[in-house]
PDB file of N, CA and C in Angstrom:
ATOM      1  N   MET A   1      -4.410 -16.242   0.078  1.00  0.00           N
ATOM      2  CA  MET A   1      -3.948 -15.596  -1.160  1.00  0.00           C
ATOM      3  C   MET A   1      -3.800 -14.188  -0.329  1.00  0.00           C
ATOM      4  N   TRP A   2      -4.526 -13.532   0.774  1.00  0.00           N
ATOM      5  CA  TRP A   2      -4.016 -12.018   1.247  1.00  0.00           C
ATOM      6  C   TRP A   2      -3.075 -12.366   1.892  1.00  0.00           C
ATOM      7  N   LYS A   3      -2.895 -13.901   2.892  1.00  0.00           N
ATOM      8  CA  LYS A   3      -1.706 -14.026   3.866  1.00  0.00           C
ATOM      9  C   LYS A   3      -0.263 -13.714   2.809  1.00  0.00           C
ATOM     10  N   LYS A   4      -0.671 -13.947   1.820  1.00  0.00           N
ATOM     11  CA  LYS A   4       1.055 -14.274   0.726  1.00  0.00           C
ATOM     12  C   LYS A   4       0.801 -12.558   0.773  1.00  0.00           C
ATOM     13  N   TRP A   5       0.271 -12.287   0.258  1.00  0.00           N
ATOM     14  CA  TRP A   5       0.141 -10.508  -0.546  1.00  0.00           C
ATOM     15  C   TRP A   5       0.513  -9.297   0.602  1.00  0.00           C
ATOM     16  N   ASN A   6      -0.022  -9.865   1.611  1.00  0.00           N
ATOM     17  CA  ASN A   6       0.909  -9.084   3.101  1.00  0.00           C
ATOM     18  C   ASN A   6       2.136  -9.368   3.107  1.00  0.00           C
ATOM     19  N   HIS A   7       2.419 -10.576   2.897  1.00  0.00           N
ATOM     20  CA  HIS A   7       4.107 -10.694   3.465  1.00  0.00           C
ATOM     21  C   HIS A   7       4.601 -10.520   2.431  1.00  0.00           C
ATOM     22  N   ALA A   8       4.283 -10.489   0.766  1.00  0.00           N
ATOM     23  CA  ALA A   8       5.374  -9.926  -0.255  1.00  0.00           C
ATOM     24  C   ALA A   8       5.648  -8.863  -0.164  1.00  0.00           C
ATOM     25  N   LYS A   9       6.861  -8.356   0.092  1.00  0.00           N
ATOM     26  CA  LYS A   9       7.382  -6.933  -0.358  1.00  0.00           C
ATOM     27  C   LYS A   9       7.403  -6.195  -1.748  1.00  0.00           C
ATOM     28  N   ASP A  10       7.026  -7.228  -2.591  1.00  0.00           N
ATOM     29  CA  ASP A  10       6.865  -6.286  -4.331  1.00  0.00           C
ATOM     30  C   ASP A  10       5.894  -5.937  -4.192  1.00  0.00           C
ATOM     31  N   HIS A  11       4.477  -6.177  -3.354  1.00  0.00           N
ATOM     32  CA  HIS A  11       3.160  -6.408  -3.824  1.00  0.00           C
ATOM     33  C   HIS A  11       2.673  -5.239  -2.908  1.00  0.00           C
ATOM     34  N   PRO A  12       1.311  -4.809  -4.214  1.00  0.00           N
ATOM     35  CA  PRO A  12       0.968  -3.493  -3.572  1.00  0.00           C
ATOM     36  C   PRO A  12       0.109  -3.265  -2.261  1.00  0.00           C
ATOM     37  N   PHE A  13      -0.029  -4.699  -1.554  1.00  0.00           N
ATOM     38  CA  PHE A  13      -0.817  -5.151  -0.308  1.00  0.00           C
ATOM     39  C   PHE A  13       0.314  -5.659   0.616  1.00  0.00           C
ATOM     40  N   PHE A  14       1.444  -5.173   0.487  1.00  0.00           N
ATOM     41  CA  PHE A  14       2.301  -5.482   1.405  1.00  0.00           C
ATOM     42  C   PHE A  14       2.083  -4.410   2.671  1.00  0.00           C
ATOM     43  N   ASN A  15       1.744  -5.515   3.758  1.00  0.00           N
ATOM     44  CA  ASN A  15       1.964  -4.334   5.293  1.00  0.00           C
ATOM     45  C   ASN A  15       0.586  -3.777   5.155  1.00  0.00           C
ATOM     46  N   LYS A  16      -0.495  -4.128   4.306  1.00  0.00           N
ATOM     47  CA  LYS A  16      -1.643  -3.235   4.202  1.00  0.00           C
ATOM     48  C   LYS A  16      -2.656  -3.714   5.113  1.00  0.00           C
ATOM     49  N   VAL A  17      -2.922  -5.124   5.250  1.00  0.00           N
ATOM     50  CA  VAL A  17      -3.932  -5.965   5.392  1.00  0.00           C
ATOM     51  C   VAL A  17      -4.044  -6.451   6.956  1.00  0.00           C
ATOM     52  N   ASP A  18      -5.540  -6.220   7.584  1.00  0.00           N
ATOM     53  CA  ASP A  18      -5.237  -6.782   9.194  1.00  0.00           C
ATOM     54  C   ASP A  18      -5.829  -7.734   9.195  1.00  0.00           C
ATOM     55  N   MET A  19      -5.062  -9.123   9.145  1.00  0.00           N
ATOM     56  CA  MET A  19      -5.788 -10.500   9.383  1.00  0.00           C
ATOM     57  C   MET A  19      -6.232 -10.632  10.186  1.00  0.00           C
ATOM     58  N   ASN A  20      -6.456 -10.046  11.427  1.00  0.00           N
ATOM     59  CA  ASN A  20      -7.542 -10.519  12.589  1.00  0.00           C
ATOM     60  C   ASN A  20      -8.671  -9.705  12.765  1.00  0.00           C
ATOM     61  N   ARG A  21      -9.236  -8.703  11.300  1.00  0.00           N
ATOM     62  CA  ARG A  21      -9.848  -8.134  11.273  1.00  0.00           C
ATOM     63  C   ARG A  21     -10.845  -8.159   9.824  1.00  0.00           C
ATOM     64  N   ILE A  22     -11.403  -9.575   9.612  1.00  0.00           N
ATOM     65  CA  ILE A  22     -11.800  -9.200   8.537  1.00  0.00           C
ATOM     66  C   ILE A  22     -13.105  -9.792   8.067  1.00  0.00           C
ATOM     67  N   SER A  23     -13.823  -9.455   6.735  1.00  0.00           N
ATOM     68  CA  SER A  23     -15.096  -9.012   6.913  1.00  0.00           C
ATOM     69  C   SER A  23     -15.321  -9.629   5.908  1.00  0.00           C
ATOM     70  N   LEU A  24     -15.978 -10.884   5.623  1.00  0.00           N
ATOM     71  CA  LEU A  24     -16.633 -11.243   4.232  1.00  0.00           C
ATOM     72  C   LEU A  24     -18.009 -10.386   3.590  1.00  0.00           C
ATOM     73  N   ILE A  25     -18.316 -10.755   2.371  1.00  0.00           N
ATOM     74  CA  ILE A  25     -19.275  -9.776   1.812  1.00  0.00           C
ATOM     75  C   ILE A  25     -19.579 -10.911   0.568  1.00  0.00           C
ATOM     76  N   GLY A  26     -20.924 -11.663   0.621  1.00  0.00           N
ATOM     77  CA  GLY A  26     -21.457 -12.168  -0.494  1.00  0.00           C
ATOM     78  C   GLY A  26     -23.086 -11.769  -0.749  1.00  0.00           C
ATOM     79  N   HIS A  27     -23.004 -12.106  -2.346  1.00  0.00           N
ATOM     80  CA  HIS A  27     -24.371 -11.872  -2.593  1.00  0.00           C
ATOM     81  C   HIS A  27     -24.702 -13.473  -3.189  1.00  0.00           C
ATOM     82  N   SER A  28     -26.123 -13.314  -3.101  1.00  0.00           N
ATOM     83  CA  SER A  28     -26.959 -14.911  -3.288  1.00  0.00           C
ATOM     84  C   SER A  28     -25.903 -15.815  -2.929  1.00  0.00           C
ATOM     85  N   ARG A  29     -25.229 -16.732  -3.727  1.00  0.00           N
ATOM     86  CA  ARG A  29     -24.663 -18.350  -3.628  1.00  0.00           C
ATOM     87  C   ARG A  29     -23.381 -17.696  -2.882  1.00  0.00           C
ATOM     88  N   GLY A  30     -22.831 -16.612  -2.956  1.00  0.00           N
ATOM     89  CA  GLY A  30     -21.625 -15.544  -2.646  1.00  0.00           C
ATOM     90  C   GLY A  30     -22.389 -15.674  -0.960  1.00  0.00           C
ATOM     91  N   GLY A  31     -23.248 -15.196  -0.829  1.00  0.00           N
ATOM     92  CA  GLY A  31     -23.926 -14.648   0.647  1.00  0.00           C
ATOM     93  C   GLY A  31     -24.098 -16.219   1.150  1.00  0.00           C
ATOM     94  N   GLU A  32     -24.004 -17.338   0.973  1.00  0.00           N
ATOM     95  CA  GLU A  32     -24.427 -18.337   1.668  1.00  0.00           C
ATOM     96  C   GLU A  32     -22.866 -18.834   1.619  1.00  0.00           C
ATOM     97  N   ALA A  33     -22.442 -18.423   1.266  1.00  0.00           N
ATOM     98  CA  ALA A  33     -20.699 -19.114   0.512  1.00  0.00           C
ATOM     99  C   ALA A  33     -20.134 -18.437   2.134  1.00  0.00           C
ATOM    100  N   VAL A  34     -20.292 -17.091   2.523  1.00  0.00           N
ATOM    101  CA  VAL A  34     -19.975 -16.351   3.441  1.00  0.00           C
ATOM    102  C   VAL A  34     -19.954 -16.837   4.934  1.00  0.00           C
ATOM    103  N   ALA A  35     -21.235 -16.983   4.974  1.00  0.00           N
ATOM    104  CA  ALA A  35     -21.700 -18.105   6.280  1.00  0.00           C
ATOM    105  C   ALA A  35     -21.219 -19.234   6.429  1.00  0.00           C
ATOM    106  N   ILE A  36     -21.359 -19.965   4.996  1.00  0.00           N
ATOM    107  CA  ILE A  36     -20.359 -21.324   5.528  1.00  0.00           C
ATOM    108  C   ILE A  36     -19.097 -21.309   5.936  1.00  0.00           C
ATOM    109  N   ALA A  37     -18.107 -19.810   5.077  1.00  0.00           N
ATOM    110  CA  ALA A  37     -16.722 -20.311   5.666  1.00  0.00           C
ATOM    111  C   ALA A  37     -16.170 -19.756   6.909  1.00  0.00           C
ATOM    112  N   VAL A  38     -17.317 -18.944   7.525  1.00  0.00           N
ATOM    113  CA  VAL A  38     -17.248 -19.039   8.941  1.00  0.00           C
ATOM    114  C   VAL A  38     -17.286 -20.142  10.004  1.00  0.00           C
ATOM    115  N   LEU A  39     -18.136 -20.995   9.348  1.00  0.00           N
ATOM    116  CA  LEU A  39     -18.114 -22.105  10.352  1.00  0.00           C
ATOM    117  C   LEU A  39     -16.899 -22.936   9.726  1.00  0.00           C
ATOM    118  N   TYR A  40     -16.646 -23.369   8.638  1.00  0.00           N
ATOM    119  CA  TYR A  40     -15.085 -23.604   8.194  1.00  0.00           C
ATOM    120  C   TYR A  40     -13.955 -23.408   9.047  1.00  0.00           C
ATOM    121  N   ASN A  41     -14.233 -21.702   9.457  1.00  0.00           N
ATOM    122  CA  ASN A  41     -12.924 -21.633   9.781  1.00  0.00           C
ATOM    123  C   ASN A  41     -12.844 -21.473  11.483  1.00  0.00           C
ATOM    124  N   GLN A  42     -14.477 -22.204  12.083  1.00  0.00           N
ATOM    125  CA  GLN A  42     -14.113 -22.610  13.307  1.00  0.00           C
ATOM    126  C   GLN A  42     -14.207 -23.901  13.651  1.00  0.00           C
ATOM    127  N   LEU A  43     -14.565 -25.205  12.314  1.00  0.00           N
ATOM    128  CA  LEU A  43     -14.008 -26.655  12.504  1.00  0.00           C
ATOM    129  C   LEU A  43     -12.356 -26.862  12.623  1.00  0.00           C
ATOM    130  N   PRO A  44     -12.444 -27.614  13.461  1.00  0.00           N
ATOM    131  CA  PRO A  44     -11.369 -28.511  13.543  1.00  0.00           C
ATOM    132  C   PRO A  44     -10.308 -29.261  12.599  1.00  0.00           C
ATOM    133  N   SER A  45     -11.379 -30.245  12.022  1.00  0.00           N
ATOM    134  CA  SER A  45     -11.384 -30.881  10.930  1.00  0.00           C
ATOM    135  C   SER A  45     -12.298 -30.872   9.776  1.00  0.00           C
ATOM    136  N   SER A  46     -12.589 -31.996   8.857  1.00  0.00           N
ATOM    137  CA  SER A  46     -13.893 -31.955   7.564  1.00  0.00           C
ATOM    138  C   SER A  46     -14.551 -32.737   8.183  1.00  0.00           C
ATOM    139  N   SER A  47     -16.135 -31.969   8.060  1.00  0.00           N
ATOM    140  CA  SER A  47     -17.413 -32.730   8.357  1.00  0.00           C
ATOM    141  C   SER A  47     -17.377 -34.117   7.546  1.00  0.00           C
ATOM    142  N   GLU A  48     -16.687 -34.367   6.511  1.00  0.00           N
ATOM    143  CA  GLU A  48     -16.638 -35.647   5.701  1.00  0.00           C
ATOM    144  C   GLU A  48     -15.815 -36.484   6.213  1.00  0.00           C
ATOM    145  N   ASN A  49     -14.613 -35.924   6.303  1.00  0.00           N
ATOM    146  CA  ASN A  49     -13.422 -36.491   6.796  1.00  0.00           C
ATOM    147  C   ASN A  49     -12.293 -36.091   7.966  1.00  0.00           C
ATOM    148  N   GLY A  50     -12.783 -36.328   8.760  1.00  0.00           N
ATOM    149  CA  GLY A  50     -12.019 -36.467  10.531  1.00  0.00           C
ATOM    150  C   GLY A  50     -10.599 -36.343  10.287  1.00  0.00           C
ATOM    151  N   ASN A  51      -9.756 -36.628   9.079  1.00  0.00           N
ATOM    152  CA  ASN A  51      -8.531 -37.411   9.226  1.00  0.00           C
ATOM    153  C   ASN A  51      -8.061 -36.052   8.267  1.00  0.00           C
ATOM    154  N   ILE A  52      -8.889 -35.104   8.139  1.00  0.00           N
ATOM    155  CA  ILE A  52      -8.209 -33.822   7.418  1.00  0.00           C
ATOM    156  C   ILE A  52      -8.893 -32.862   8.076  1.00  0.00           C
ATOM    157  N   THR A  53      -7.439 -32.627   8.572  1.00  0.00           N
ATOM    158  CA  THR A  53      -7.669 -31.761   9.855  1.00  0.00           C
ATOM    159  C   THR A  53      -7.418 -29.738   9.148  1.00  0.00           C
ATOM    160  N   PHE A  54      -8.322 -28.682   9.887  1.00  0.00           N
ATOM    161  CA  PHE A  54      -8.065 -27.595   9.468  1.00  0.00           C
ATOM    162  C   PHE A  54      -7.090 -26.590  10.664  1.00  0.00           C
ATOM    163  N   ASP A  55      -6.925 -25.856  10.279  1.00  0.00           N
ATOM    164  CA  ASP A  55      -6.304 -24.831  11.363  1.00  0.00           C
ATOM    165  C   ASP A  55      -5.890 -23.354  10.119  1.00  0.00           C
ATOM    166  N   TYR A  56      -7.350 -22.886  10.261  1.00  0.00           N
ATOM    167  CA  TYR A  56      -8.077 -21.944   9.392  1.00  0.00           C
ATOM    168  C   TYR A  56      -7.716 -20.247  11.083  1.00  0.00           C
ATOM    169  N   HIS A  57      -8.464 -20.288  11.169  1.00  0.00           N
ATOM    170  CA  HIS A  57      -8.288 -19.308  12.323  1.00  0.00           C
ATOM    171  C   HIS A  57      -8.448 -18.329  11.724  1.00  0.00           C
ATOM    172  N   PHE A  58      -9.087 -17.373  10.684  1.00  0.00           N
ATOM    173  CA  PHE A  58      -8.354 -16.377  10.089  1.00  0.00           C
ATOM    174  C   PHE A  58      -9.600 -15.180  11.735  1.00  0.00           C
ATOM    175  N   GLY A  59      -9.341 -14.278  11.309  1.00  0.00           N
ATOM    176  CA  GLY A  59      -9.385 -12.987  12.266  1.00  0.00           C
ATOM    177  C   GLY A  59     -11.040 -12.623  11.472  1.00  0.00           C
ATOM    178  N   ILE A  60     -12.261 -13.498  11.738  1.00  0.00           N
ATOM    179  CA  ILE A  60     -12.810 -12.741  10.769  1.00  0.00           C
ATOM    180  C   ILE A  60     -14.204 -12.037  12.146  1.00  0.00           C
ATOM    181  N   ARG A  61     -14.392 -11.198  11.631  1.00  0.00           N
ATOM    182  CA  ARG A  61     -14.661  -9.921  12.493  1.00  0.00           C
ATOM    183  C   ARG A  61     -16.754 -10.034  11.919  1.00  0.00           C
ATOM    184  N   SER A  62     -16.742  -9.783  10.748  1.00  0.00           N
ATOM    185  CA  SER A  62     -18.460  -9.948  10.276  1.00  0.00           C
ATOM    186  C   SER A  62     -18.403 -10.357   8.816  1.00  0.00           C
ATOM    187  N   ILE A  63     -19.713 -11.019   8.734  1.00  0.00           N
ATOM    188  CA  ILE A  63     -20.158 -11.062   7.608  1.00  0.00           C
ATOM    189  C   ILE A  63     -21.451 -10.350   6.970  1.00  0.00           C
ATOM    190  N   ILE A  64     -21.638  -9.782   5.698  1.00  0.00           N
ATOM    191  CA  ILE A  64     -22.354  -9.508   5.538  1.00  0.00           C
ATOM    192  C   ILE A  64     -23.025 -10.212   4.090  1.00  0.00           C
ATOM    193  N   SER A  65     -24.329 -10.813   3.946  1.00  0.00           N
ATOM    194  CA  SER A  65     -24.808 -11.756   3.324  1.00  0.00           C
ATOM    195  C   SER A  65     -25.963 -11.005   2.370  1.00  0.00           C
ATOM    196  N   ILE A  66     -26.053 -10.641   0.815  1.00  0.00           N
ATOM    197  CA  ILE A  66     -26.650  -9.692   0.314  1.00  0.00           C
ATOM    198  C   ILE A  66     -27.587 -10.918  -0.505  1.00  0.00           C
ATOM    199  N   ALA A  67     -28.948 -11.059   0.144  1.00  0.00           N
ATOM    200  CA  ALA A  67     -29.870 -11.971  -0.506  1.00  0.00           C
ATOM    201  C   ALA A  67     -29.404 -12.945  -0.858  1.00  0.00           C
ATOM    202  N   GLY A  68     -28.923 -13.763  -0.114  1.00  0.00           N
ATOM    203  CA  GLY A  68     -27.942 -15.038   0.365  1.00  0.00           C
ATOM    204  C   GLY A  68     -29.156 -16.554   0.223  1.00  0.00           C
ATOM    205  N   THR A  69     -28.247 -17.344  -0.751  1.00  0.00           N
ATOM    206  CA  THR A  69     -29.485 -18.802  -0.933  1.00  0.00           C
ATOM    207  C   THR A  69     -29.538 -19.098   0.121  1.00  0.00           C
ATOM    208  N   ASP A  70     -30.301 -20.523   0.749  1.00  0.00           N
ATOM    209  CA  ASP A  70     -30.033 -21.548   1.728  1.00  0.00           C
ATOM    210  C   ASP A  70     -30.197 -22.915   1.073  1.00  0.00           C
ATOM    211  N   VAL A  71     -28.860 -23.521   0.873  1.00  0.00           N
ATOM    212  CA  VAL A  71     -29.059 -24.699   0.204  1.00  0.00           C
ATOM    213  C   VAL A  71     -29.020 -25.881   1.013  1.00  0.00           C
ATOM    214  N   ASN A  72     -28.796 -25.397   2.654  1.00  0.00           N
ATOM    215  CA  ASN A  72     -29.087 -25.882   3.974  1.00  0.00           C
ATOM    216  C   ASN A  72     -27.790 -27.155   3.573  1.00  0.00           C
ATOM    217  N   ILE A  73     -26.656 -26.906   4.064  1.00  0.00           N
ATOM    218  CA  ILE A  73     -24.845 -27.757   3.824  1.00  0.00           C
ATOM    219  C   ILE A  73     -25.363 -27.949   5.133  1.00  0.00           C
ATOM    220  N   ASN A  74     -24.505 -28.948   5.554  1.00  0.00           N
ATOM    221  CA  ASN A  74     -24.815 -29.628   7.033  1.00  0.00           C
ATOM    222  C   ASN A  74     -23.119 -29.711   7.591  1.00  0.00           C
ATOM    223  N   LEU A  75     -22.706 -28.411   8.349  1.00  0.00           N
ATOM    224  CA  LEU A  75     -21.104 -28.640   8.750  1.00  0.00           C
ATOM    225  C   LEU A  75     -21.113 -29.172  10.461  1.00  0.00           C
ATOM    226  N   ARG A  76     -22.168 -29.234  10.733  1.00  0.00           N
ATOM    227  CA  ARG A  76     -22.142 -30.199  11.788  1.00  0.00           C
ATOM    228  C   ARG A  76     -22.342 -31.086  11.969  1.00  0.00           C
ATOM    229  N   ASP A  77     -21.710 -31.868  13.829  1.00  0.00           N
ATOM    230  CA  ASP A  77     -22.183 -33.149  13.723  1.00  0.00           C
ATOM    231  C   ASP A  77     -23.796 -33.616  14.153  1.00  0.00           C
ATOM    232  N   ASN A  78     -24.389 -34.149  13.673  1.00  0.00           N
ATOM    233  CA  ASN A  78     -26.227 -34.454  14.378  1.00  0.00           C
ATOM    234  C   ASN A  78     -25.484 -34.950  15.742  1.00  0.00           C
TER     235      ASN A  78
END
């Protein structure tokens, strides 16, 4: 969505977002989600179905997890 807004000339965020310097912030389950998002950003494909390829490569520079939960999701091969 941010990429779309950054490129839409009629949007208030037009040319205002640096997609190479992204910070993710979350609280509680959102705190866990930002850590998972970083892992998904690095994965070449889905851990559940290798036929689903990813090409995210967002420029995530930092994450802030405030009282994040830990449900132990496993995105890496064992």
